[in-house]
Amino acid sequence: MAKVPTKETIKRRTIQDMKKLGVHKTQYNRMIDIYSELVYQYLKLNDEFESGGYQYESYTAAGGAKKSPIVATLESLRKDILAYSDRLCLNPKSTMQPGKGNKGKESKLAGVLSKLG
């Protein structure tokens, strides 16, 4: 099990990544705080999940099996992290959208296609 980085470490690395991508503004710091907390919670829970032997099912009083609460929480955190990473332009999908992080560079294919039309 790897050591889980602190929320401050995650925040600092997130800001560094955003600066490298050319998308950081200080006005985003509140959103970065929330994103960092979500990533920290995810890493902590994932560490617990791993140390618990990846117990993905729990049993009900009636004897049936259901998804373990930690699995449901991890899934929810993944969705939230993905949404925030989109808003902060930290994933390939968000940085490839026109006007976001690609600094006006046009692909060769896009350049050829624009000349045709």
PDB file of N, CA and C in Angstrom:
ATOM      1  N   MET A   1       0.842  -1.189   0.000  1.00  0.00           N
ATOM      2  CA  MET A   1       0.000   0.000   0.000  1.00  0.00           C
ATOM      3  C   MET A   1       0.883   1.247   0.000  1.00  0.00           C
ATOM      4  N   ALA A   2       0.651   2.080  -0.961  1.00  0.00           N
ATOM      5  CA  ALA A   2       1.411   3.319  -1.077  1.00  0.00           C
ATOM      6  C   ALA A   2       0.908   4.345  -0.069  1.00  0.00           C
ATOM      7  N   LYS A   3       1.797   5.239   0.303  1.00  0.00           N
ATOM      8  CA  LYS A   3       1.413   6.306   1.220  1.00  0.00           C
ATOM      9  C   LYS A   3       0.504   7.293   0.489  1.00  0.00           C
ATOM     10  N   VAL A   4      -0.588   7.639   1.122  1.00  0.00           N
ATOM     11  CA  VAL A   4      -1.547   8.578   0.531  1.00  0.00           C
ATOM     12  C   VAL A   4      -1.012   9.996   0.718  1.00  0.00           C
ATOM     13  N   PRO A   5      -0.890  10.774  -0.375  1.00  0.00           N
ATOM     14  CA  PRO A   5      -0.425  12.156  -0.242  1.00  0.00           C
ATOM     15  C   PRO A   5      -1.447  13.005   0.507  1.00  0.00           C
ATOM     16  N   THR A   6      -0.971  14.063   1.122  1.00  0.00           N
ATOM     17  CA  THR A   6      -1.863  14.967   1.853  1.00  0.00           C
ATOM     18  C   THR A   6      -2.688  15.781   0.866  1.00  0.00           C
ATOM     19  N   LYS A   7      -3.741  16.395   1.385  1.00  0.00           N
ATOM     20  CA  LYS A   7      -4.585  17.248   0.552  1.00  0.00           C
ATOM     21  C   LYS A   7      -3.758  18.410  -0.002  1.00  0.00           C
ATOM     22  N   GLU A   8      -2.860  18.962   0.801  1.00  0.00           N
ATOM     23  CA  GLU A   8      -2.022  20.082   0.351  1.00  0.00           C
ATOM     24  C   GLU A   8      -1.084  19.655  -0.777  1.00  0.00           C
ATOM     25  N   THR A   9      -0.542  18.451  -0.680  1.00  0.00           N
ATOM     26  CA  THR A   9       0.326  17.936  -1.747  1.00  0.00           C
ATOM     27  C   THR A   9      -0.467  17.772  -3.034  1.00  0.00           C
ATOM     28  N   ILE A  10      -1.659  17.229  -2.925  1.00  0.00           N
ATOM     29  CA  ILE A  10      -2.520  17.060  -4.105  1.00  0.00           C
ATOM     30  C   ILE A  10      -2.852  18.420  -4.712  1.00  0.00           C
ATOM     31  N   LYS A  11      -3.161  19.387  -3.863  1.00  0.00           N
ATOM     32  CA  LYS A  11      -3.486  20.733  -4.343  1.00  0.00           C
ATOM     33  C   LYS A  11      -2.282  21.355  -5.059  1.00  0.00           C
ATOM     34  N   ARG A  12      -1.116  21.248  -4.460  1.00  0.00           N
ATOM     35  CA  ARG A  12       0.093  21.826  -5.044  1.00  0.00           C
ATOM     36  C   ARG A  12       0.397  21.182  -6.406  1.00  0.00           C
ATOM     37  N   ARG A  13       0.271  19.862  -6.484  1.00  0.00           N
ATOM     38  CA  ARG A  13       0.524  19.163  -7.752  1.00  0.00           C
ATOM     39  C   ARG A  13      -0.525  19.513  -8.802  1.00  0.00           C
ATOM     40  N   THR A  14      -1.760  19.683  -8.370  1.00  0.00           N
ATOM     41  CA  THR A  14      -2.831  20.065  -9.290  1.00  0.00           C
ATOM     42  C   THR A  14      -2.549  21.431  -9.898  1.00  0.00           C
ATOM     43  N   ILE A  15      -2.149  22.372  -9.061  1.00  0.00           N
ATOM     44  CA  ILE A  15      -1.824  23.718  -9.552  1.00  0.00           C
ATOM     45  C   ILE A  15      -0.640  23.660 -10.504  1.00  0.00           C
ATOM     46  N   GLN A  16       0.381  22.861 -10.170  1.00  0.00           N
ATOM     47  CA  GLN A  16       1.536  22.707 -11.062  1.00  0.00           C
ATOM     48  C   GLN A  16       1.097  22.152 -12.418  1.00  0.00           C
ATOM     49  N   ASP A  17       0.259  21.135 -12.387  1.00  0.00           N
ATOM     50  CA  ASP A  17      -0.229  20.536 -13.633  1.00  0.00           C
ATOM     51  C   ASP A  17      -1.017  21.549 -14.453  1.00  0.00           C
ATOM     52  N   MET A  18      -1.870  22.311 -13.781  1.00  0.00           N
ATOM     53  CA  MET A  18      -2.676  23.305 -14.492  1.00  0.00           C
ATOM     54  C   MET A  18      -1.799  24.398 -15.101  1.00  0.00           C
ATOM     55  N   LYS A  19      -0.760  24.794 -14.377  1.00  0.00           N
ATOM     56  CA  LYS A  19       0.161  25.803 -14.915  1.00  0.00           C
ATOM     57  C   LYS A  19       0.892  25.270 -16.139  1.00  0.00           C
ATOM     58  N   LYS A  20       1.302  24.001 -16.086  1.00  0.00           N
ATOM     59  CA  LYS A  20       1.973  23.398 -17.245  1.00  0.00           C
ATOM     60  C   LYS A  20       1.050  23.352 -18.456  1.00  0.00           C
ATOM     61  N   LEU A  21      -0.236  23.133 -18.215  1.00  0.00           N
ATOM     62  CA  LEU A  21      -1.217  23.094 -19.299  1.00  0.00           C
ATOM     63  C   LEU A  21      -1.661  24.494 -19.731  1.00  0.00           C
ATOM     64  N   GLY A  22      -1.279  25.504 -18.965  1.00  0.00           N
ATOM     65  CA  GLY A  22      -1.654  26.873 -19.298  1.00  0.00           C
ATOM     66  C   GLY A  22      -3.088  27.218 -18.980  1.00  0.00           C
ATOM     67  N   VAL A  23      -3.681  26.549 -17.982  1.00  0.00           N
ATOM     68  CA  VAL A  23      -5.090  26.786 -17.674  1.00  0.00           C
ATOM     69  C   VAL A  23      -5.326  27.266 -16.244  1.00  0.00           C
ATOM     70  N   HIS A  24      -4.264  27.529 -15.483  1.00  0.00           N
ATOM     71  CA  HIS A  24      -4.455  27.916 -14.081  1.00  0.00           C
ATOM     72  C   HIS A  24      -4.734  29.409 -13.935  1.00  0.00           C
ATOM     73  N   LYS A  25      -5.699  29.715 -13.093  1.00  0.00           N
ATOM     74  CA  LYS A  25      -5.987  31.081 -12.659  1.00  0.00           C
ATOM     75  C   LYS A  25      -6.239  31.001 -11.166  1.00  0.00           C
ATOM     76  N   THR A  26      -5.832  32.024 -10.431  1.00  0.00           N
ATOM     77  CA  THR A  26      -6.006  31.998  -8.971  1.00  0.00           C
ATOM     78  C   THR A  26      -7.482  31.944  -8.587  1.00  0.00           C
ATOM     79  N   GLN A  27      -8.349  32.414  -9.462  1.00  0.00           N
ATOM     80  CA  GLN A  27      -9.785  32.376  -9.177  1.00  0.00           C
ATOM     81  C   GLN A  27     -10.300  30.941  -9.077  1.00  0.00           C
ATOM     82  N   TYR A  28      -9.562  29.975  -9.592  1.00  0.00           N
ATOM     83  CA  TYR A  28      -9.979  28.572  -9.544  1.00  0.00           C
ATOM     84  C   TYR A  28      -9.589  27.877  -8.244  1.00  0.00           C
ATOM     85  N   ASN A  29      -8.898  28.563  -7.349  1.00  0.00           N
ATOM     86  CA  ASN A  29      -8.350  27.900  -6.166  1.00  0.00           C
ATOM     87  C   ASN A  29      -9.409  27.273  -5.258  1.00  0.00           C
ATOM     88  N   ARG A  30     -10.584  27.870  -5.149  1.00  0.00           N
ATOM     89  CA  ARG A  30     -11.646  27.232  -4.339  1.00  0.00           C
ATOM     90  C   ARG A  30     -12.073  25.906  -4.961  1.00  0.00           C
ATOM     91  N   MET A  31     -12.191  25.885  -6.274  1.00  0.00           N
ATOM     92  CA  MET A  31     -12.557  24.652  -6.948  1.00  0.00           C
ATOM     93  C   MET A  31     -11.424  23.624  -6.829  1.00  0.00           C
ATOM     94  N   ILE A  32     -10.190  24.093  -6.880  1.00  0.00           N
ATOM     95  CA  ILE A  32      -9.040  23.203  -6.709  1.00  0.00           C
ATOM     96  C   ILE A  32      -9.036  22.610  -5.308  1.00  0.00           C
ATOM     97  N   ASP A  33      -9.429  23.404  -4.301  1.00  0.00           N
ATOM     98  CA  ASP A  33      -9.538  22.890  -2.922  1.00  0.00           C
ATOM     99  C   ASP A  33     -10.518  21.722  -2.849  1.00  0.00           C
ATOM    100  N   ILE A  34     -11.667  21.900  -3.463  1.00  0.00           N
ATOM    101  CA  ILE A  34     -12.693  20.848  -3.448  1.00  0.00           C
ATOM    102  C   ILE A  34     -12.183  19.617  -4.189  1.00  0.00           C
ATOM    103  N   TYR A  35     -11.601  19.828  -5.351  1.00  0.00           N
ATOM    104  CA  TYR A  35     -11.041  18.730  -6.139  1.00  0.00           C
ATOM    105  C   TYR A  35      -9.980  17.976  -5.335  1.00  0.00           C
ATOM    106  N   SER A  36      -9.098  18.707  -4.673  1.00  0.00           N
ATOM    107  CA  SER A  36      -8.032  18.088  -3.875  1.00  0.00           C
ATOM    108  C   SER A  36      -8.605  17.258  -2.736  1.00  0.00           C
ATOM    109  N   GLU A  37      -9.646  17.763  -2.104  1.00  0.00           N
ATOM    110  CA  GLU A  37     -10.301  17.009  -1.019  1.00  0.00           C
ATOM    111  C   GLU A  37     -10.930  15.726  -1.559  1.00  0.00           C
ATOM    112  N   LEU A  38     -11.580  15.802  -2.711  1.00  0.00           N
ATOM    113  CA  LEU A  38     -12.191  14.615  -3.318  1.00  0.00           C
ATOM    114  C   LEU A  38     -11.132  13.563  -3.661  1.00  0.00           C
ATOM    115  N   VAL A  39     -10.024  14.008  -4.252  1.00  0.00           N
ATOM    116  CA  VAL A  39      -8.950  13.077  -4.605  1.00  0.00           C
ATOM    117  C   VAL A  39      -8.360  12.462  -3.344  1.00  0.00           C
ATOM    118  N   TYR A  40      -8.166  13.275  -2.306  1.00  0.00           N
ATOM    119  CA  TYR A  40      -7.634  12.763  -1.035  1.00  0.00           C
ATOM    120  C   TYR A  40      -8.568  11.702  -0.453  1.00  0.00           C
ATOM    121  N   GLN A  41      -9.864  12.000  -0.404  1.00  0.00           N
ATOM    122  CA  GLN A  41     -10.833  11.036   0.118  1.00  0.00           C
ATOM    123  C   GLN A  41     -10.810   9.750  -0.703  1.00  0.00           C
ATOM    124  N   TYR A  42     -10.738   9.884  -2.021  1.00  0.00           N
ATOM    125  CA  TYR A  42     -10.710   8.713  -2.887  1.00  0.00           C
ATOM    126  C   TYR A  42      -9.484   7.854  -2.588  1.00  0.00           C
ATOM    127  N   LEU A  43      -8.322   8.481  -2.494  1.00  0.00           N
ATOM    128  CA  LEU A  43      -7.095   7.727  -2.236  1.00  0.00           C
ATOM    129  C   LEU A  43      -7.119   7.051  -0.868  1.00  0.00           C
ATOM    130  N   LYS A  44      -7.638   7.756   0.146  1.00  0.00           N
ATOM    131  CA  LYS A  44      -7.748   7.166   1.491  1.00  0.00           C
ATOM    132  C   LYS A  44      -8.684   5.968   1.485  1.00  0.00           C
ATOM    133  N   LEU A  45      -9.865   6.130   0.887  1.00  0.00           N
ATOM    134  CA  LEU A  45     -10.826   5.029   0.833  1.00  0.00           C
ATOM    135  C   LEU A  45     -10.310   3.858   0.002  1.00  0.00           C
ATOM    136  N   ASN A  46      -9.632   4.161  -1.080  1.00  0.00           N
ATOM    137  CA  ASN A  46      -9.079   3.105  -1.907  1.00  0.00           C
ATOM    138  C   ASN A  46      -8.017   2.319  -1.138  1.00  0.00           C
ATOM    139  N   ASP A  47      -7.245   3.025  -0.320  1.00  0.00           N
ATOM    140  CA  ASP A  47      -6.252   2.379   0.533  1.00  0.00           C
ATOM    141  C   ASP A  47      -6.936   1.442   1.542  1.00  0.00           C
ATOM    142  N   GLU A  48      -8.032   1.916   2.145  1.00  0.00           N
ATOM    143  CA  GLU A  48      -8.800   1.085   3.079  1.00  0.00           C
ATOM    144  C   GLU A  48      -9.396  -0.129   2.363  1.00  0.00           C
ATOM    145  N   PHE A  49      -9.904   0.103   1.158  1.00  0.00           N
ATOM    146  CA  PHE A  49     -10.503  -0.969   0.364  1.00  0.00           C
ATOM    147  C   PHE A  49      -9.451  -2.045   0.067  1.00  0.00           C
ATOM    148  N   GLU A  50      -8.260  -1.596  -0.294  1.00  0.00           N
ATOM    149  CA  GLU A  50      -7.168  -2.536  -0.576  1.00  0.00           C
ATOM    150  C   GLU A  50      -6.760  -3.296   0.680  1.00  0.00           C
ATOM    151  N   SER A  51      -6.608  -2.589   1.788  1.00  0.00           N
ATOM    152  CA  SER A  51      -6.198  -3.260   3.030  1.00  0.00           C
ATOM    153  C   SER A  51      -7.278  -4.193   3.555  1.00  0.00           C
ATOM    154  N   GLY A  52      -8.525  -3.977   3.175  1.00  0.00           N
ATOM    155  CA  GLY A  52      -9.623  -4.847   3.573  1.00  0.00           C
ATOM    156  C   GLY A  52      -9.803  -6.036   2.640  1.00  0.00           C
ATOM    157  N   GLY A  53      -8.870  -6.214   1.714  1.00  0.00           N
ATOM    158  CA  GLY A  53      -8.944  -7.354   0.812  1.00  0.00           C
ATOM    159  C   GLY A  53      -9.922  -7.179  -0.324  1.00  0.00           C
ATOM    160  N   TYR A  54     -10.218  -5.937  -0.690  1.00  0.00           N
ATOM    161  CA  TYR A  54     -11.143  -5.642  -1.796  1.00  0.00           C
ATOM    162  C   TYR A  54     -12.505  -6.317  -1.595  1.00  0.00           C
ATOM    163  N   GLN A  55     -13.038  -6.160  -0.416  1.00  0.00           N
ATOM    164  CA  GLN A  55     -14.346  -6.735  -0.081  1.00  0.00           C
ATOM    165  C   GLN A  55     -15.413  -5.899  -0.780  1.00  0.00           C
ATOM    166  N   TYR A  56     -15.893  -6.368  -1.935  1.00  0.00           N
ATOM    167  CA  TYR A  56     -16.808  -5.572  -2.751  1.00  0.00           C
ATOM    168  C   TYR A  56     -18.276  -5.856  -2.478  1.00  0.00           C
ATOM    169  N   GLU A  57     -18.558  -6.902  -1.711  1.00  0.00           N
ATOM    170  CA  GLU A  57     -19.943  -7.207  -1.358  1.00  0.00           C
ATOM    171  C   GLU A  57     -20.090  -7.297   0.150  1.00  0.00           C
ATOM    172  N   SER A  58     -21.260  -6.905   0.617  1.00  0.00           N
ATOM    173  CA  SER A  58     -21.608  -7.115   2.022  1.00  0.00           C
ATOM    174  C   SER A  58     -22.940  -7.852   2.033  1.00  0.00           C
ATOM    175  N   TYR A  59     -23.212  -8.496   3.112  1.00  0.00           N
ATOM    176  CA  TYR A  59     -24.421  -9.323   3.184  1.00  0.00           C
ATOM    177  C   TYR A  59     -25.482  -8.652   4.052  1.00  0.00           C
ATOM    178  N   THR A  60     -26.703  -8.757   3.594  1.00  0.00           N
ATOM    179  CA  THR A  60     -27.830  -8.157   4.304  1.00  0.00           C
ATOM    180  C   THR A  60     -28.318  -9.112   5.388  1.00  0.00           C
ATOM    181  N   ALA A  61     -29.177  -8.599   6.249  1.00  0.00           N
ATOM    182  CA  ALA A  61     -29.742  -9.423   7.316  1.00  0.00           C
ATOM    183  C   ALA A  61     -30.578 -10.568   6.742  1.00  0.00           C
ATOM    184  N   ALA A  62     -31.123 -10.356   5.559  1.00  0.00           N
ATOM    185  CA  ALA A  62     -31.935 -11.386   4.915  1.00  0.00           C
ATOM    186  C   ALA A  62     -31.072 -12.450   4.229  1.00  0.00           C
ATOM    187  N   GLY A  63     -29.761 -12.258   4.250  1.00  0.00           N
ATOM    188  CA  GLY A  63     -28.865 -13.245   3.667  1.00  0.00           C
ATOM    189  C   GLY A  63     -28.452 -12.967   2.240  1.00  0.00           C
ATOM    190  N   GLY A  64     -28.948 -11.900   1.656  1.00  0.00           N
ATOM    191  CA  GLY A  64     -28.574 -11.542   0.280  1.00  0.00           C
ATOM    192  C   GLY A  64     -27.293 -10.716   0.264  1.00  0.00           C
ATOM    193  N   ALA A  65     -26.713 -10.600  -0.893  1.00  0.00           N
ATOM    194  CA  ALA A  65     -25.498  -9.797  -1.059  1.00  0.00           C
ATOM    195  C   ALA A  65     -25.843  -8.467  -1.721  1.00  0.00           C
ATOM    196  N   LYS A  66     -25.128  -7.439  -1.321  1.00  0.00           N
ATOM    197  CA  LYS A  66     -25.275  -6.128  -1.955  1.00  0.00           C
ATOM    198  C   LYS A  66     -23.897  -5.485  -2.064  1.00  0.00           C
ATOM    199  N   LYS A  67     -23.825  -4.449  -2.871  1.00  0.00           N
ATOM    200  CA  LYS A  67     -22.570  -3.738  -3.065  1.00  0.00           C
ATOM    201  C   LYS A  67     -22.115  -3.150  -1.731  1.00  0.00           C
ATOM    202  N   SER A  68     -20.846  -3.322  -1.439  1.00  0.00           N
ATOM    203  CA  SER A  68     -20.280  -2.787  -0.208  1.00  0.00           C
ATOM    204  C   SER A  68     -20.387  -1.256  -0.206  1.00  0.00           C
ATOM    205  N   PRO A  69     -20.663  -0.656   0.951  1.00  0.00           N
ATOM    206  CA  PRO A  69     -20.759   0.806   1.009  1.00  0.00           C
ATOM    207  C   PRO A  69     -19.491   1.520   0.531  1.00  0.00           C
ATOM    208  N   ILE A  70     -18.325   0.924   0.799  1.00  0.00           N
ATOM    209  CA  ILE A  70     -17.081   1.573   0.372  1.00  0.00           C
ATOM    210  C   ILE A  70     -16.967   1.591  -1.152  1.00  0.00           C
ATOM    211  N   VAL A  71     -17.473   0.561  -1.818  1.00  0.00           N
ATOM    212  CA  VAL A  71     -17.454   0.514  -3.283  1.00  0.00           C
ATOM    213  C   VAL A  71     -18.376   1.592  -3.844  1.00  0.00           C
ATOM    214  N   ALA A  72     -19.543   1.735  -3.266  1.00  0.00           N
ATOM    215  CA  ALA A  72     -20.481   2.767  -3.722  1.00  0.00           C
ATOM    216  C   ALA A  72     -19.887   4.160  -3.530  1.00  0.00           C
ATOM    217  N   THR A  73     -19.218   4.368  -2.420  1.00  0.00           N
ATOM    218  CA  THR A  73     -18.584   5.659  -2.158  1.00  0.00           C
ATOM    219  C   THR A  73     -17.455   5.930  -3.143  1.00  0.00           C
ATOM    220  N   LEU A  74     -16.631   4.921  -3.410  1.00  0.00           N
ATOM    221  CA  LEU A  74     -15.542   5.076  -4.383  1.00  0.00           C
ATOM    222  C   LEU A  74     -16.095   5.421  -5.771  1.00  0.00           C
ATOM    223  N   GLU A  75     -17.168   4.762  -6.167  1.00  0.00           N
ATOM    224  CA  GLU A  75     -17.780   5.049  -7.471  1.00  0.00           C
ATOM    225  C   GLU A  75     -18.277   6.492  -7.539  1.00  0.00           C
ATOM    226  N   SER A  76     -18.906   6.939  -6.472  1.00  0.00           N
ATOM    227  CA  SER A  76     -19.413   8.310  -6.425  1.00  0.00           C
ATOM    228  C   SER A  76     -18.262   9.315  -6.481  1.00  0.00           C
ATOM    229  N   LEU A  77     -17.204   9.041  -5.737  1.00  0.00           N
ATOM    230  CA  LEU A  77     -16.045   9.935  -5.755  1.00  0.00           C
ATOM    231  C   LEU A  77     -15.407   9.980  -7.137  1.00  0.00           C
ATOM    232  N   ARG A  78     -15.330   8.843  -7.811  1.00  0.00           N
ATOM    233  CA  ARG A  78     -14.764   8.821  -9.169  1.00  0.00           C
ATOM    234  C   ARG A  78     -15.542   9.751 -10.095  1.00  0.00           C
ATOM    235  N   LYS A  79     -16.861   9.691 -10.019  1.00  0.00           N
ATOM    236  CA  LYS A  79     -17.698  10.550 -10.863  1.00  0.00           C
ATOM    237  C   LYS A  79     -17.482  12.022 -10.537  1.00  0.00           C
ATOM    238  N   ASP A  80     -17.407  12.338  -9.243  1.00  0.00           N
ATOM    239  CA  ASP A  80     -17.185  13.726  -8.836  1.00  0.00           C
ATOM    240  C   ASP A  80     -15.806  14.219  -9.278  1.00  0.00           C
ATOM    241  N   ILE A  81     -14.795  13.379  -9.111  1.00  0.00           N
ATOM    242  CA  ILE A  81     -13.435  13.749  -9.515  1.00  0.00           C
ATOM    243  C   ILE A  81     -13.388  13.993 -11.017  1.00  0.00           C
ATOM    244  N   LEU A  82     -14.044  13.144 -11.780  1.00  0.00           N
ATOM    245  CA  LEU A  82     -14.080  13.321 -13.230  1.00  0.00           C
ATOM    246  C   LEU A  82     -14.736  14.647 -13.601  1.00  0.00           C
ATOM    247  N   ALA A  83     -15.835  14.979 -12.946  1.00  0.00           N
ATOM    248  CA  ALA A  83     -16.527  16.245 -13.233  1.00  0.00           C
ATOM    249  C   ALA A  83     -15.633  17.445 -12.916  1.00  0.00           C
ATOM    250  N   TYR A  84     -14.964  17.407 -11.771  1.00  0.00           N
ATOM    251  CA  TYR A  84     -14.076  18.521 -11.406  1.00  0.00           C
ATOM    252  C   TYR A  84     -12.862  18.566 -12.324  1.00  0.00           C
ATOM    253  N   SER A  85     -12.303  17.405 -12.690  1.00  0.00           N
ATOM    254  CA  SER A  85     -11.140  17.409 -13.569  1.00  0.00           C
ATOM    255  C   SER A  85     -11.502  17.977 -14.938  1.00  0.00           C
ATOM    256  N   ASP A  86     -12.735  17.761 -15.385  1.00  0.00           N
ATOM    257  CA  ASP A  86     -13.200  18.387 -16.633  1.00  0.00           C
ATOM    258  C   ASP A  86     -13.205  19.907 -16.490  1.00  0.00           C
ATOM    259  N   ARG A  87     -13.785  20.391 -15.405  1.00  0.00           N
ATOM    260  CA  ARG A  87     -13.890  21.840 -15.198  1.00  0.00           C
ATOM    261  C   ARG A  87     -12.517  22.500 -15.044  1.00  0.00           C
ATOM    262  N   LEU A  88     -11.561  21.754 -14.475  1.00  0.00           N
ATOM    263  CA  LEU A  88     -10.225  22.305 -14.254  1.00  0.00           C
ATOM    264  C   LEU A  88      -9.281  22.021 -15.431  1.00  0.00           C
ATOM    265  N   CYS A  89      -9.815  21.421 -16.492  1.00  0.00           N
ATOM    266  CA  CYS A  89      -9.051  21.107 -17.710  1.00  0.00           C
ATOM    267  C   CYS A  89      -7.862  20.201 -17.417  1.00  0.00           C
ATOM    268  N   LEU A  90      -8.098  19.154 -16.627  1.00  0.00           N
ATOM    269  CA  LEU A  90      -7.025  18.256 -16.219  1.00  0.00           C
ATOM    270  C   LEU A  90      -7.077  16.883 -16.873  1.00  0.00           C
ATOM    271  N   ASN A  91      -7.897  16.718 -17.871  1.00  0.00           N
ATOM    272  CA  ASN A  91      -7.928  15.427 -18.553  1.00  0.00           C
ATOM    273  C   ASN A  91      -7.911  15.666 -20.062  1.00  0.00           C
ATOM    274  N   PRO A  92      -7.550  14.639 -20.819  1.00  0.00           N
ATOM    275  CA  PRO A  92      -7.434  14.830 -22.275  1.00  0.00           C
ATOM    276  C   PRO A  92      -8.699  15.344 -22.939  1.00  0.00           C
ATOM    277  N   LYS A  93      -9.859  14.879 -22.502  1.00  0.00           N
ATOM    278  CA  LYS A  93     -11.110  15.313 -23.125  1.00  0.00           C
ATOM    279  C   LYS A  93     -11.285  16.824 -22.999  1.00  0.00           C
ATOM    280  N   SER A  94     -11.031  17.343 -21.818  1.00  0.00           N
ATOM    281  CA  SER A  94     -11.265  18.774 -21.602  1.00  0.00           C
ATOM    282  C   SER A  94     -10.204  19.638 -22.262  1.00  0.00           C
ATOM    283  N   THR A  95      -8.977  19.161 -22.371  1.00  0.00           N
ATOM    284  CA  THR A  95      -7.934  19.986 -22.976  1.00  0.00           C
ATOM    285  C   THR A  95      -7.958  19.952 -24.493  1.00  0.00           C
ATOM    286  N   MET A  96      -8.678  19.014 -25.085  1.00  0.00           N
ATOM    287  CA  MET A  96      -8.738  18.940 -26.536  1.00  0.00           C
ATOM    288  C   MET A  96      -9.913  19.719 -27.110  1.00  0.00           C
ATOM    289  N   GLN A  97     -10.757  20.257 -26.257  1.00  0.00           N
ATOM    290  CA  GLN A  97     -11.878  21.054 -26.753  1.00  0.00           C
ATOM    291  C   GLN A  97     -11.349  22.391 -27.263  1.00  0.00           C
ATOM    292  N   PRO A  98     -11.937  22.918 -28.310  1.00  0.00           N
ATOM    293  CA  PRO A  98     -11.469  24.193 -28.855  1.00  0.00           C
ATOM    294  C   PRO A  98     -11.459  25.296 -27.798  1.00  0.00           C
ATOM    295  N   GLY A  99     -10.332  26.002 -27.730  1.00  0.00           N
ATOM    296  CA  GLY A  99     -10.224  27.130 -26.819  1.00  0.00           C
ATOM    297  C   GLY A  99      -9.877  26.768 -25.396  1.00  0.00           C
ATOM    298  N   LYS A 100      -9.592  25.490 -25.108  1.00  0.00           N
ATOM    299  CA  LYS A 100      -9.276  25.094 -23.737  1.00  0.00           C
ATOM    300  C   LYS A 100      -7.928  24.400 -23.700  1.00  0.00           C
ATOM    301  N   GLY A 101      -6.914  25.101 -23.261  1.00  0.00           N
ATOM    302  CA  GLY A 101      -5.650  24.478 -22.986  1.00  0.00           C
ATOM    303  C   GLY A 101      -4.793  24.120 -24.181  1.00  0.00           C
ATOM    304  N   ASN A 102      -5.311  24.124 -25.377  1.00  0.00           N
ATOM    305  CA  ASN A 102      -4.491  23.762 -26.521  1.00  0.00           C
ATOM    306  C   ASN A 102      -3.872  24.995 -27.174  1.00  0.00           C
ATOM    307  N   LYS A 103      -4.030  26.154 -26.562  1.00  0.00           N
ATOM    308  CA  LYS A 103      -3.386  27.406 -26.928  1.00  0.00           C
ATOM    309  C   LYS A 103      -3.505  27.743 -28.415  1.00  0.00           C
ATOM    310  N   GLY A 104      -4.648  27.462 -29.004  1.00  0.00           N
ATOM    311  CA  GLY A 104      -4.893  27.850 -30.378  1.00  0.00           C
ATOM    312  C   GLY A 104      -4.186  27.003 -31.417  1.00  0.00           C
ATOM    313  N   LYS A 105      -3.487  25.967 -31.017  1.00  0.00           N
ATOM    314  CA  LYS A 105      -2.804  25.114 -31.986  1.00  0.00           C
ATOM    315  C   LYS A 105      -3.845  24.264 -32.702  1.00  0.00           C
ATOM    316  N   GLU A 106      -3.716  24.229 -33.990  1.00  0.00           N
ATOM    317  CA  GLU A 106      -4.650  23.469 -34.815  1.00  0.00           C
ATOM    318  C   GLU A 106      -3.937  22.215 -35.302  1.00  0.00           C
ATOM    319  N   SER A 107      -4.619  21.102 -35.274  1.00  0.00           N
ATOM    320  CA  SER A 107      -4.008  19.875 -35.778  1.00  0.00           C
ATOM    321  C   SER A 107      -3.802  19.993 -37.280  1.00  0.00           C
ATOM    322  N   LYS A 108      -2.899  19.184 -37.804  1.00  0.00           N
ATOM    323  CA  LYS A 108      -2.647  19.213 -39.249  1.00  0.00           C
ATOM    324  C   LYS A 108      -3.905  18.841 -40.019  1.00  0.00           C
ATOM    325  N   LEU A 109      -4.618  17.841 -39.530  1.00  0.00           N
ATOM    326  CA  LEU A 109      -5.846  17.415 -40.199  1.00  0.00           C
ATOM    327  C   LEU A 109      -6.876  18.543 -40.208  1.00  0.00           C
ATOM    328  N   ALA A 110      -7.038  19.226 -39.073  1.00  0.00           N
ATOM    329  CA  ALA A 110      -7.997  20.322 -39.001  1.00  0.00           C
ATOM    330  C   ALA A 110      -7.609  21.437 -39.959  1.00  0.00           C
ATOM    331  N   GLY A 111      -6.308  21.701 -40.096  1.00  0.00           N
ATOM    332  CA  GLY A 111      -5.841  22.734 -41.015  1.00  0.00           C
ATOM    333  C   GLY A 111      -6.155  22.391 -42.460  1.00  0.00           C
ATOM    334  N   VAL A 112      -5.924  21.144 -42.836  1.00  0.00           N
ATOM    335  CA  VAL A 112      -6.207  20.695 -44.202  1.00  0.00           C
ATOM    336  C   VAL A 112      -7.705  20.757 -44.479  1.00  0.00           C
ATOM    337  N   LEU A 113      -8.508  20.266 -43.520  1.00  0.00           N
ATOM    338  CA  LEU A 113      -9.951  20.273 -43.700  1.00  0.00           C
ATOM    339  C   LEU A 113     -10.506  21.687 -43.802  1.00  0.00           C
ATOM    340  N   SER A 114      -9.967  22.609 -43.035  1.00  0.00           N
ATOM    341  CA  SER A 114     -10.473  23.991 -43.096  1.00  0.00           C
ATOM    342  C   SER A 114     -10.152  24.650 -44.439  1.00  0.00           C
ATOM    343  N   LYS A 115      -9.064  24.241 -45.057  1.00  0.00           N
ATOM    344  CA  LYS A 115      -8.698  24.792 -46.383  1.00  0.00           C
ATOM    345  C   LYS A 115      -9.601  24.238 -47.485  1.00  0.00           C
ATOM    346  N   LEU A 116     -10.143  23.039 -47.256  1.00  0.00           N
ATOM    347  CA  LEU A 116     -11.021  22.439 -48.259  1.00  0.00           C
ATOM    348  C   LEU A 116     -12.383  23.115 -48.314  1.00  0.00           C
ATOM    349  N   GLY A 117     -12.847  23.609 -47.177  1.00  0.00           N
ATOM    350  CA  GLY A 117     -14.201  24.135 -47.115  1.00  0.00           C
ATOM    351  C   GLY A 117     -14.241  25.564 -47.282  1.00  0.00           C
TER     352      GLY A 117
END
